[in-house]
Amino acid sequence: MFVFSKDCPFEDLGGGVKRRILAHNGHMMQVEVHFADGAIGAMHSHPHEQLTNVLSGEFEFTINGEVHIVKAGDTLYKAPDVVHGCTCLKAGVLLDTFTPQREDFLKK
């Protein structure tokens, strides 16, 4: 399967955050998330495993109470049901991979 970014529309989540769903197959999913300066990814948890790769920008991330500043090239792992969130310090893009896929992202 090929997935072309031109075929993946953005969803505006408000507050300077937008995302687009890339490839998914029922078992895993990739999502690109764009943040403006100062945008917040609210603290939350979910039953999915998640990897986040910082493609650009700078973010202050909290995972399970631990806080770090991350930049392009850094990767974060979030275990199922662990509380996490971020604040964007410099506009940037995150690439999230979930397993299993986020069915809630696919419901419109």
N, C-alpha and C. Protein backbone atom coordinates (compact mmCIF):
# COMPACT_ATOMS: atom_id res chain seq x y z
N MET A 1 0.84 -1.18 0.00
CA MET A 1 0.00 0.00 0.00
C MET A 1 0.89 1.24 0.00
N PHE A 2 0.49 2.25 -0.76
CA PHE A 2 1.16 3.54 -0.77
C PHE A 2 0.19 4.57 -0.23
N VAL A 3 0.71 5.47 0.59
CA VAL A 3 -0.10 6.56 1.12
C VAL A 3 0.63 7.85 0.76
N PHE A 4 -0.06 8.72 0.03
CA PHE A 4 0.53 9.98 -0.41
C PHE A 4 -0.05 11.12 0.42
N SER A 5 0.83 11.98 0.92
CA SER A 5 0.39 13.06 1.81
C SER A 5 -0.66 13.95 1.16
N LYS A 6 -0.59 14.12 -0.14
CA LYS A 6 -1.58 14.96 -0.84
C LYS A 6 -3.00 14.40 -0.73
N ASP A 7 -3.11 13.12 -0.42
CA ASP A 7 -4.42 12.47 -0.29
C ASP A 7 -4.90 12.39 1.15
N CYS A 8 -4.15 12.96 2.07
CA CYS A 8 -4.47 12.89 3.50
C CYS A 8 -4.83 14.29 4.01
N PRO A 9 -6.11 14.59 4.14
CA PRO A 9 -6.50 15.93 4.57
C PRO A 9 -6.19 16.18 6.04
N PHE A 10 -5.97 17.44 6.37
CA PHE A 10 -5.76 17.85 7.75
C PHE A 10 -7.10 18.01 8.46
N GLU A 11 -7.10 17.69 9.74
CA GLU A 11 -8.23 17.95 10.62
C GLU A 11 -7.77 19.00 11.62
N ASP A 12 -8.47 20.14 11.68
CA ASP A 12 -8.12 21.20 12.61
C ASP A 12 -8.68 20.84 13.98
N LEU A 13 -7.79 20.66 14.96
CA LEU A 13 -8.20 20.30 16.31
C LEU A 13 -8.39 21.52 17.19
N GLY A 14 -8.09 22.71 16.65
CA GLY A 14 -8.21 23.95 17.41
C GLY A 14 -6.97 24.22 18.24
N GLY A 15 -6.84 25.45 18.68
CA GLY A 15 -5.74 25.81 19.56
C GLY A 15 -4.37 25.71 18.93
N GLY A 16 -4.30 25.79 17.60
CA GLY A 16 -3.01 25.72 16.92
C GLY A 16 -2.51 24.32 16.66
N VAL A 17 -3.42 23.33 16.72
CA VAL A 17 -3.05 21.93 16.48
C VAL A 17 -3.89 21.38 15.34
N LYS A 18 -3.23 20.71 14.39
CA LYS A 18 -3.96 20.02 13.32
C LYS A 18 -3.26 18.70 13.06
N ARG A 19 -4.04 17.73 12.58
CA ARG A 19 -3.46 16.41 12.32
C ARG A 19 -3.99 15.85 11.03
N ARG A 20 -3.21 14.91 10.49
CA ARG A 20 -3.69 14.14 9.36
C ARG A 20 -3.31 12.69 9.57
N ILE A 21 -4.28 11.84 9.28
CA ILE A 21 -4.07 10.41 9.42
C ILE A 21 -3.38 9.91 8.17
N LEU A 22 -2.31 9.19 8.36
CA LEU A 22 -1.55 8.64 7.24
C LEU A 22 -1.94 7.17 7.09
N ALA A 23 -1.01 6.28 7.04
CA ALA A 23 -1.31 4.86 6.83
C ALA A 23 -1.91 4.23 8.08
N HIS A 24 -2.84 3.28 7.85
CA HIS A 24 -3.39 2.47 8.95
C HIS A 24 -3.97 1.20 8.35
N ASN A 25 -3.95 0.13 9.18
CA ASN A 25 -4.41 -1.16 8.65
C ASN A 25 -5.19 -1.98 9.67
N GLY A 26 -5.61 -1.38 10.76
CA GLY A 26 -6.31 -2.11 11.79
C GLY A 26 -5.43 -2.49 12.95
N HIS A 27 -4.14 -2.72 12.66
CA HIS A 27 -3.21 -3.10 13.71
C HIS A 27 -2.32 -1.95 14.15
N MET A 28 -2.05 -1.03 13.24
CA MET A 28 -1.22 0.12 13.57
C MET A 28 -1.63 1.31 12.73
N MET A 29 -1.17 2.49 13.13
CA MET A 29 -1.56 3.73 12.45
C MET A 29 -0.47 4.77 12.63
N GLN A 30 -0.26 5.58 11.58
CA GLN A 30 0.63 6.74 11.69
C GLN A 30 -0.18 8.01 11.48
N VAL A 31 0.14 9.00 12.32
CA VAL A 31 -0.57 10.28 12.30
C VAL A 31 0.47 11.39 12.40
N GLU A 32 0.34 12.39 11.54
CA GLU A 32 1.21 13.56 11.55
C GLU A 32 0.46 14.67 12.26
N VAL A 33 1.10 15.28 13.27
CA VAL A 33 0.45 16.33 14.06
C VAL A 33 1.30 17.59 14.01
N HIS A 34 0.68 18.69 13.58
CA HIS A 34 1.35 19.98 13.45
C HIS A 34 0.94 20.89 14.60
N PHE A 35 1.91 21.53 15.24
CA PHE A 35 1.67 22.42 16.37
C PHE A 35 2.22 23.82 16.07
N ALA A 36 1.44 24.83 16.39
CA ALA A 36 1.90 26.22 16.34
C ALA A 36 2.62 26.52 17.66
N ASP A 37 3.42 27.60 17.68
CA ASP A 37 4.06 28.04 18.92
C ASP A 37 3.02 28.15 20.02
N GLY A 38 3.32 27.58 21.18
CA GLY A 38 2.45 27.69 22.34
C GLY A 38 1.27 26.74 22.37
N ALA A 39 1.04 25.98 21.31
CA ALA A 39 -0.09 25.04 21.27
C ALA A 39 0.13 23.94 22.31
N ILE A 40 -0.98 23.44 22.82
CA ILE A 40 -0.92 22.44 23.88
C ILE A 40 -1.56 21.14 23.43
N GLY A 41 -0.88 20.04 23.69
CA GLY A 41 -1.45 18.70 23.56
C GLY A 41 -1.87 18.31 24.97
N ALA A 42 -3.16 18.41 25.26
CA ALA A 42 -3.67 18.21 26.61
C ALA A 42 -3.25 16.87 27.20
N MET A 43 -3.07 16.84 28.50
CA MET A 43 -2.75 15.60 29.20
C MET A 43 -3.88 14.61 28.99
N HIS A 44 -3.51 13.38 28.64
CA HIS A 44 -4.51 12.35 28.37
C HIS A 44 -3.85 10.98 28.43
N SER A 45 -4.66 9.95 28.33
CA SER A 45 -4.14 8.59 28.23
C SER A 45 -5.08 7.80 27.31
N HIS A 46 -4.60 6.67 26.83
CA HIS A 46 -5.38 5.80 25.96
C HIS A 46 -4.79 4.39 26.04
N PRO A 47 -5.54 3.39 25.61
CA PRO A 47 -5.07 2.01 25.74
C PRO A 47 -4.08 1.56 24.67
N HIS A 48 -3.64 2.48 23.82
CA HIS A 48 -2.74 2.15 22.71
C HIS A 48 -1.29 2.39 23.11
N GLU A 49 -0.37 1.60 22.55
CA GLU A 49 1.05 1.93 22.62
C GLU A 49 1.29 3.03 21.60
N GLN A 50 2.21 3.95 21.92
CA GLN A 50 2.46 5.06 21.01
C GLN A 50 3.94 5.40 20.98
N LEU A 51 4.45 5.57 19.76
CA LEU A 51 5.78 6.14 19.54
C LEU A 51 5.57 7.51 18.91
N THR A 52 6.33 8.50 19.38
CA THR A 52 6.29 9.84 18.81
C THR A 52 7.69 10.22 18.38
N ASN A 53 7.83 10.55 17.11
CA ASN A 53 9.09 11.04 16.58
C ASN A 53 8.93 12.53 16.32
N VAL A 54 9.85 13.33 16.84
CA VAL A 54 9.82 14.78 16.63
C VAL A 54 10.49 15.06 15.28
N LEU A 55 9.68 15.50 14.32
CA LEU A 55 10.22 15.81 12.99
C LEU A 55 10.81 17.21 12.94
N SER A 56 10.18 18.14 13.67
CA SER A 56 10.68 19.52 13.71
C SER A 56 10.12 20.21 14.94
N GLY A 57 10.70 21.36 15.28
CA GLY A 57 10.23 22.14 16.41
C GLY A 57 10.85 21.71 17.72
N GLU A 58 10.25 22.22 18.80
CA GLU A 58 10.72 21.92 20.16
C GLU A 58 9.49 21.83 21.06
N PHE A 59 9.46 20.81 21.91
CA PHE A 59 8.29 20.53 22.74
C PHE A 59 8.72 20.21 24.17
N GLU A 60 7.90 20.62 25.12
CA GLU A 60 8.07 20.17 26.50
C GLU A 60 7.04 19.06 26.70
N PHE A 61 7.51 17.84 26.88
CA PHE A 61 6.64 16.68 27.03
C PHE A 61 6.62 16.20 28.46
N THR A 62 5.44 15.79 28.90
CA THR A 62 5.28 15.12 30.19
C THR A 62 4.76 13.72 29.90
N ILE A 63 5.47 12.72 30.40
CA ILE A 63 5.04 11.33 30.27
C ILE A 63 5.12 10.71 31.66
N ASN A 64 3.96 10.32 32.19
CA ASN A 64 3.90 9.68 33.50
C ASN A 64 4.59 10.53 34.57
N GLY A 65 4.41 11.86 34.49
CA GLY A 65 4.96 12.77 35.49
C GLY A 65 6.39 13.21 35.23
N GLU A 66 7.06 12.62 34.26
CA GLU A 66 8.44 12.99 33.93
C GLU A 66 8.42 14.01 32.79
N VAL A 67 9.15 15.12 32.96
CA VAL A 67 9.13 16.22 32.00
C VAL A 67 10.50 16.39 31.35
N HIS A 68 10.48 16.50 29.99
CA HIS A 68 11.71 16.74 29.24
C HIS A 68 11.40 17.63 28.04
N ILE A 69 12.40 18.37 27.61
CA ILE A 69 12.29 19.13 26.36
C ILE A 69 12.90 18.28 25.26
N VAL A 70 12.15 18.14 24.15
CA VAL A 70 12.58 17.30 23.04
C VAL A 70 12.61 18.12 21.75
N LYS A 71 13.46 17.71 20.83
CA LYS A 71 13.66 18.42 19.56
C LYS A 71 13.70 17.41 18.41
N ALA A 72 13.84 17.94 17.20
CA ALA A 72 13.89 17.11 16.00
C ALA A 72 14.89 15.97 16.16
N GLY A 73 14.44 14.76 15.83
CA GLY A 73 15.27 13.58 15.92
C GLY A 73 15.04 12.77 17.18
N ASP A 74 14.39 13.37 18.18
CA ASP A 74 14.10 12.65 19.42
C ASP A 74 12.84 11.80 19.25
N THR A 75 12.79 10.68 19.98
CA THR A 75 11.64 9.77 19.93
C THR A 75 11.18 9.50 21.35
N LEU A 76 9.86 9.41 21.52
CA LEU A 76 9.26 9.15 22.83
C LEU A 76 8.39 7.90 22.74
N TYR A 77 8.40 7.10 23.81
CA TYR A 77 7.53 5.93 23.88
C TYR A 77 6.52 6.15 25.00
N LYS A 78 5.25 5.86 24.70
CA LYS A 78 4.19 5.96 25.70
C LYS A 78 3.51 4.61 25.81
N ALA A 79 3.61 4.01 26.98
CA ALA A 79 2.97 2.72 27.24
C ALA A 79 1.45 2.92 27.31
N PRO A 80 0.68 1.87 27.12
CA PRO A 80 -0.77 1.98 27.24
C PRO A 80 -1.18 2.56 28.60
N ASP A 81 -2.17 3.44 28.55
CA ASP A 81 -2.80 4.02 29.75
C ASP A 81 -1.91 4.95 30.56
N VAL A 82 -0.74 5.33 30.04
CA VAL A 82 0.13 6.28 30.73
C VAL A 82 -0.29 7.70 30.35
N VAL A 83 -0.41 8.56 31.35
CA VAL A 83 -0.82 9.95 31.11
C VAL A 83 0.34 10.72 30.49
N HIS A 84 0.03 11.45 29.41
CA HIS A 84 1.05 12.22 28.71
C HIS A 84 0.43 13.44 28.03
N GLY A 85 1.28 14.42 27.70
CA GLY A 85 0.84 15.62 27.01
C GLY A 85 2.05 16.49 26.73
N CYS A 86 1.83 17.59 26.02
CA CYS A 86 2.96 18.45 25.66
C CYS A 86 2.54 19.90 25.47
N THR A 87 3.54 20.75 25.51
CA THR A 87 3.41 22.15 25.12
C THR A 87 4.45 22.40 24.04
N CYS A 88 4.02 23.04 22.95
CA CYS A 88 4.94 23.33 21.85
C CYS A 88 5.69 24.62 22.15
N LEU A 89 7.00 24.54 22.25
CA LEU A 89 7.84 25.69 22.52
C LEU A 89 8.25 26.42 21.24
N LYS A 90 8.46 25.67 20.17
CA LYS A 90 8.77 26.22 18.85
C LYS A 90 7.96 25.41 17.85
N ALA A 91 7.22 26.07 16.98
CA ALA A 91 6.32 25.38 16.03
C ALA A 91 7.00 24.15 15.45
N GLY A 92 6.23 23.07 15.37
CA GLY A 92 6.83 21.84 14.88
C GLY A 92 5.83 20.78 14.50
N VAL A 93 6.38 19.63 14.11
CA VAL A 93 5.58 18.50 13.62
C VAL A 93 6.02 17.23 14.34
N LEU A 94 5.01 16.46 14.78
CA LEU A 94 5.25 15.16 15.41
C LEU A 94 4.70 14.08 14.50
N LEU A 95 5.37 12.93 14.48
CA LEU A 95 4.88 11.76 13.76
C LEU A 95 4.58 10.69 14.80
N ASP A 96 3.29 10.41 14.99
CA ASP A 96 2.84 9.43 15.98
C ASP A 96 2.52 8.10 15.31
N THR A 97 2.96 7.02 15.94
CA THR A 97 2.62 5.67 15.51
C THR A 97 1.90 4.99 16.67
N PHE A 98 0.72 4.46 16.38
CA PHE A 98 -0.10 3.80 17.40
C PHE A 98 -0.31 2.34 17.05
N THR A 99 -0.37 1.51 18.08
CA THR A 99 -0.82 0.13 17.92
C THR A 99 -1.67 -0.23 19.13
N PRO A 100 -2.87 -0.77 18.94
CA PRO A 100 -3.54 -0.87 17.64
C PRO A 100 -3.92 0.52 17.13
N GLN A 101 -4.50 0.57 15.93
CA GLN A 101 -4.86 1.87 15.36
C GLN A 101 -5.89 2.56 16.25
N ARG A 102 -5.96 3.89 16.16
CA ARG A 102 -6.89 4.69 16.93
C ARG A 102 -8.23 4.74 16.21
N GLU A 103 -9.13 3.85 16.57
CA GLU A 103 -10.46 3.82 15.96
C GLU A 103 -11.18 5.14 16.18
N ASP A 104 -10.93 5.78 17.35
CA ASP A 104 -11.59 7.05 17.64
C ASP A 104 -11.16 8.15 16.67
N PHE A 105 -9.99 8.07 16.08
CA PHE A 105 -9.55 9.04 15.09
C PHE A 105 -10.27 8.83 13.76
N LEU A 106 -10.73 7.63 13.49
CA LEU A 106 -11.36 7.30 12.22
C LEU A 106 -12.86 7.59 12.21
N LYS A 107 -13.46 7.73 13.37
CA LYS A 107 -14.91 8.01 13.46
C LYS A 107 -15.14 9.48 13.20
N LYS A 108 -16.04 9.76 12.31
CA LYS A 108 -16.35 11.17 11.96
C LYS A 108 -17.76 11.49 12.34
